[in-house]
Amino acid sequence: FPPGSVTHVPNGRFYLARLADGGFLALYQRCTHLGCNVPWDQGANTFICPCHNSQFTIDGTLLNPPAPRPLDIFPVEIRDGEVYVDTGKAITRQSFEASQVVYP
């Protein structure tokens, strides 16, 4: 996963974002507005919801409402050089915080 990349994991219902500094976030693919699937737009370097045009950065920060808050995340763990994501329960957040990023 190269820095600055976003990889969709359809079976897990999330995107694995590798931030420019090398950290990882697992972002739930559902918009925080009405739950539409939010695709990553590589050209715009943004998640753009097709339902009501909410937009989010690579770390899930809200750029454009009507979504009320950032994209939810899933816990990430890195063991023996492999990335594990626990999709059992999405974590609701009100803002992006550096402590949410996991580093190898």
C-alpha atoms as a PDB file:
ATOM      1  CA  PHE A   1       0.000   0.000   0.000  1.00  0.00           C
ATOM      2  CA  PRO A   2       1.943   3.037  -1.186  1.00  0.00           C
ATOM      3  CA  PRO A   3       1.705   6.281   0.828  1.00  0.00           C
ATOM      4  CA  GLY A   4      -1.139   8.501  -0.403  1.00  0.00           C
ATOM      5  CA  SER A   5      -3.195   5.551  -1.700  1.00  0.00           C
ATOM      6  CA  VAL A   6      -6.746   4.361  -1.090  1.00  0.00           C
ATOM      7  CA  THR A   7      -7.658   0.680  -1.538  1.00  0.00           C
ATOM      8  CA  HIS A   8     -11.287  -0.461  -1.560  1.00  0.00           C
ATOM      9  CA  VAL A   9     -11.977  -3.720   0.285  1.00  0.00           C
ATOM     10  CA  PRO A  10     -15.550  -4.472  -0.872  1.00  0.00           C
ATOM     11  CA  ASN A  11     -16.056  -7.609   1.252  1.00  0.00           C
ATOM     12  CA  GLY A  12     -14.998  -5.674   4.335  1.00  0.00           C
ATOM     13  CA  ARG A  13     -17.116  -2.617   3.436  1.00  0.00           C
ATOM     14  CA  PHE A  14     -14.187  -0.263   3.940  1.00  0.00           C
ATOM     15  CA  TYR A  15     -11.365   1.640   2.290  1.00  0.00           C
ATOM     16  CA  LEU A  16      -7.825   1.228   3.540  1.00  0.00           C
ATOM     17  CA  ALA A  17      -6.246   4.664   3.333  1.00  0.00           C
ATOM     18  CA  ARG A  18      -2.467   4.912   3.500  1.00  0.00           C
ATOM     19  CA  LEU A  19      -1.770   8.513   4.380  1.00  0.00           C
ATOM     20  CA  ALA A  20       1.152  10.455   2.934  1.00  0.00           C
ATOM     21  CA  ASP A  21       3.130   9.973   6.172  1.00  0.00           C
ATOM     22  CA  GLY A  22       2.746   6.167   5.979  1.00  0.00           C
ATOM     23  CA  GLY A  23      -0.044   5.774   8.541  1.00  0.00           C
ATOM     24  CA  PHE A  24      -3.173   3.664   7.980  1.00  0.00           C
ATOM     25  CA  LEU A  25      -6.886   4.329   8.490  1.00  0.00           C
ATOM     26  CA  ALA A  26      -9.743   1.944   7.678  1.00  0.00           C
ATOM     27  CA  LEU A  27     -12.686   4.114   6.605  1.00  0.00           C
ATOM     28  CA  TYR A  28     -16.225   2.759   6.552  1.00  0.00           C
ATOM     29  CA  GLN A  29     -17.603   3.086   3.016  1.00  0.00           C
ATOM     30  CA  ARG A  30     -20.940   4.529   4.218  1.00  0.00           C
ATOM     31  CA  CYS A  31     -21.694   8.242   4.178  1.00  0.00           C
ATOM     32  CA  THR A  32     -22.501   9.677   7.601  1.00  0.00           C
ATOM     33  CA  HIS A  33     -25.469  11.544   6.097  1.00  0.00           C
ATOM     34  CA  LEU A  34     -27.876   8.828   4.890  1.00  0.00           C
ATOM     35  CA  GLY A  35     -25.635   5.778   4.558  1.00  0.00           C
ATOM     36  CA  CYS A  36     -24.963   5.763   0.803  1.00  0.00           C
ATOM     37  CA  ASN A  37     -21.778   4.021  -0.341  1.00  0.00           C
ATOM     38  CA  VAL A  38     -19.141   6.686  -0.882  1.00  0.00           C
ATOM     39  CA  PRO A  39     -16.644   5.942  -3.670  1.00  0.00           C
ATOM     40  CA  TRP A  40     -13.077   7.252  -3.771  1.00  0.00           C
ATOM     41  CA  ASP A  41     -12.518   9.655  -6.665  1.00  0.00           C
ATOM     42  CA  GLN A  42      -8.832   9.265  -7.537  1.00  0.00           C
ATOM     43  CA  GLY A  43      -8.843  12.301  -9.849  1.00  0.00           C
ATOM     44  CA  ALA A  44     -10.289  14.600  -7.195  1.00  0.00           C
ATOM     45  CA  ASN A  45      -8.348  12.845  -4.389  1.00  0.00           C
ATOM     46  CA  THR A  46     -11.618  12.876  -2.444  1.00  0.00           C
ATOM     47  CA  PHE A  47     -14.453  10.609  -1.358  1.00  0.00           C
ATOM     48  CA  ILE A  48     -17.604  11.961  -3.040  1.00  0.00           C
ATOM     49  CA  CYS A  49     -21.052  10.719  -2.058  1.00  0.00           C
ATOM     50  CA  PRO A  50     -23.243  10.195  -5.146  1.00  0.00           C
ATOM     51  CA  CYS A  51     -26.456  10.809  -3.199  1.00  0.00           C
ATOM     52  CA  HIS A  52     -26.072  14.377  -1.910  1.00  0.00           C
ATOM     53  CA  ASN A  53     -22.480  15.340  -2.818  1.00  0.00           C
ATOM     54  CA  SER A  54     -20.957  15.160   0.658  1.00  0.00           C
ATOM     55  CA  GLN A  55     -17.174  15.094   0.261  1.00  0.00           C
ATOM     56  CA  PHE A  56     -14.406  13.775   2.471  1.00  0.00           C
ATOM     57  CA  THR A  57     -10.587  13.860   2.469  1.00  0.00           C
ATOM     58  CA  ILE A  58      -8.352  10.778   2.410  1.00  0.00           C
ATOM     59  CA  ASP A  59      -8.502  10.664   6.233  1.00  0.00           C
ATOM     60  CA  GLY A  60     -12.313  10.919   6.181  1.00  0.00           C
ATOM     61  CA  THR A  61     -12.532  14.563   7.257  1.00  0.00           C
ATOM     62  CA  LEU A  62     -15.738  16.239   6.072  1.00  0.00           C
ATOM     63  CA  LEU A  63     -15.145  18.810   3.329  1.00  0.00           C
ATOM     64  CA  ASN A  64     -18.671  19.405   2.060  1.00  0.00           C
ATOM     65  CA  PRO A  65     -21.998  18.801   3.887  1.00  0.00           C
ATOM     66  CA  PRO A  66     -24.800  17.717   4.202  1.00  0.00           C
ATOM     67  CA  ALA A  67     -22.990  14.878   6.032  1.00  0.00           C
ATOM     68  CA  PRO A  68     -22.795  15.943   9.693  1.00  0.00           C
ATOM     69  CA  ARG A  69     -19.373  14.479  10.542  1.00  0.00           C
ATOM     70  CA  PRO A  70     -16.328  12.582   9.204  1.00  0.00           C
ATOM     71  CA  LEU A  71     -16.483   9.047   7.855  1.00  0.00           C
ATOM     72  CA  ASP A  72     -16.552   6.348  10.520  1.00  0.00           C
ATOM     73  CA  ILE A  73     -13.484   4.167  10.975  1.00  0.00           C
ATOM     74  CA  PHE A  74     -12.683   0.575  11.912  1.00  0.00           C
ATOM     75  CA  PRO A  75      -9.853  -0.464  14.249  1.00  0.00           C
ATOM     76  CA  VAL A  76      -6.577  -1.253  12.448  1.00  0.00           C
ATOM     77  CA  GLU A  77      -3.757  -3.406  13.780  1.00  0.00           C
ATOM     78  CA  ILE A  78      -0.442  -4.230  12.113  1.00  0.00           C
ATOM     79  CA  ARG A  79       1.114  -7.585  13.036  1.00  0.00           C
ATOM     80  CA  ASP A  80       4.194  -9.077  11.389  1.00  0.00           C
ATOM     81  CA  GLY A  81       3.964  -6.611   8.524  1.00  0.00           C
ATOM     82  CA  GLU A  82       0.308  -7.425   7.747  1.00  0.00           C
ATOM     83  CA  VAL A  83      -2.636  -5.043   8.142  1.00  0.00           C
ATOM     84  CA  TYR A  84      -5.678  -6.348  10.019  1.00  0.00           C
ATOM     85  CA  VAL A  85      -8.995  -4.488  10.164  1.00  0.00           C
ATOM     86  CA  ASP A  86     -11.750  -5.348  12.664  1.00  0.00           C
ATOM     87  CA  THR A  87     -15.012  -4.637  10.834  1.00  0.00           C
ATOM     88  CA  GLY A  88     -17.154  -5.834  13.739  1.00  0.00           C
ATOM     89  CA  LYS A  89     -18.147  -2.339  14.815  1.00  0.00           C
ATOM     90  CA  ALA A  90     -17.605   1.030  13.166  1.00  0.00           C
ATOM     91  CA  ILE A  91     -16.192   3.792  15.361  1.00  0.00           C
ATOM     92  CA  THR A  92     -18.158   7.031  15.193  1.00  0.00           C
ATOM     93  CA  ARG A  93     -16.017  10.150  15.399  1.00  0.00           C
ATOM     94  CA  GLN A  94     -16.673  13.858  15.483  1.00  0.00           C
ATOM     95  CA  SER A  95     -13.325  14.877  13.995  1.00  0.00           C
ATOM     96  CA  PHE A  96     -10.065  13.490  12.693  1.00  0.00           C
ATOM     97  CA  GLU A  97      -7.410  13.026  15.371  1.00  0.00           C
ATOM     98  CA  ALA A  98      -3.816  11.928  14.796  1.00  0.00           C
ATOM     99  CA  SER A  99      -4.270   9.183  17.427  1.00  0.00           C
ATOM    100  CA  GLN A 100      -6.700   7.410  15.049  1.00  0.00           C
ATOM    101  CA  VAL A 101      -3.865   6.659  12.585  1.00  0.00           C
ATOM    102  CA  VAL A 102      -1.947   3.368  12.923  1.00  0.00           C
ATOM    103  CA  TYR A 103       1.701   3.173  11.882  1.00  0.00           C
ATOM    104  CA  PRO A 104       3.738   0.121  10.917  1.00  0.00           C
END
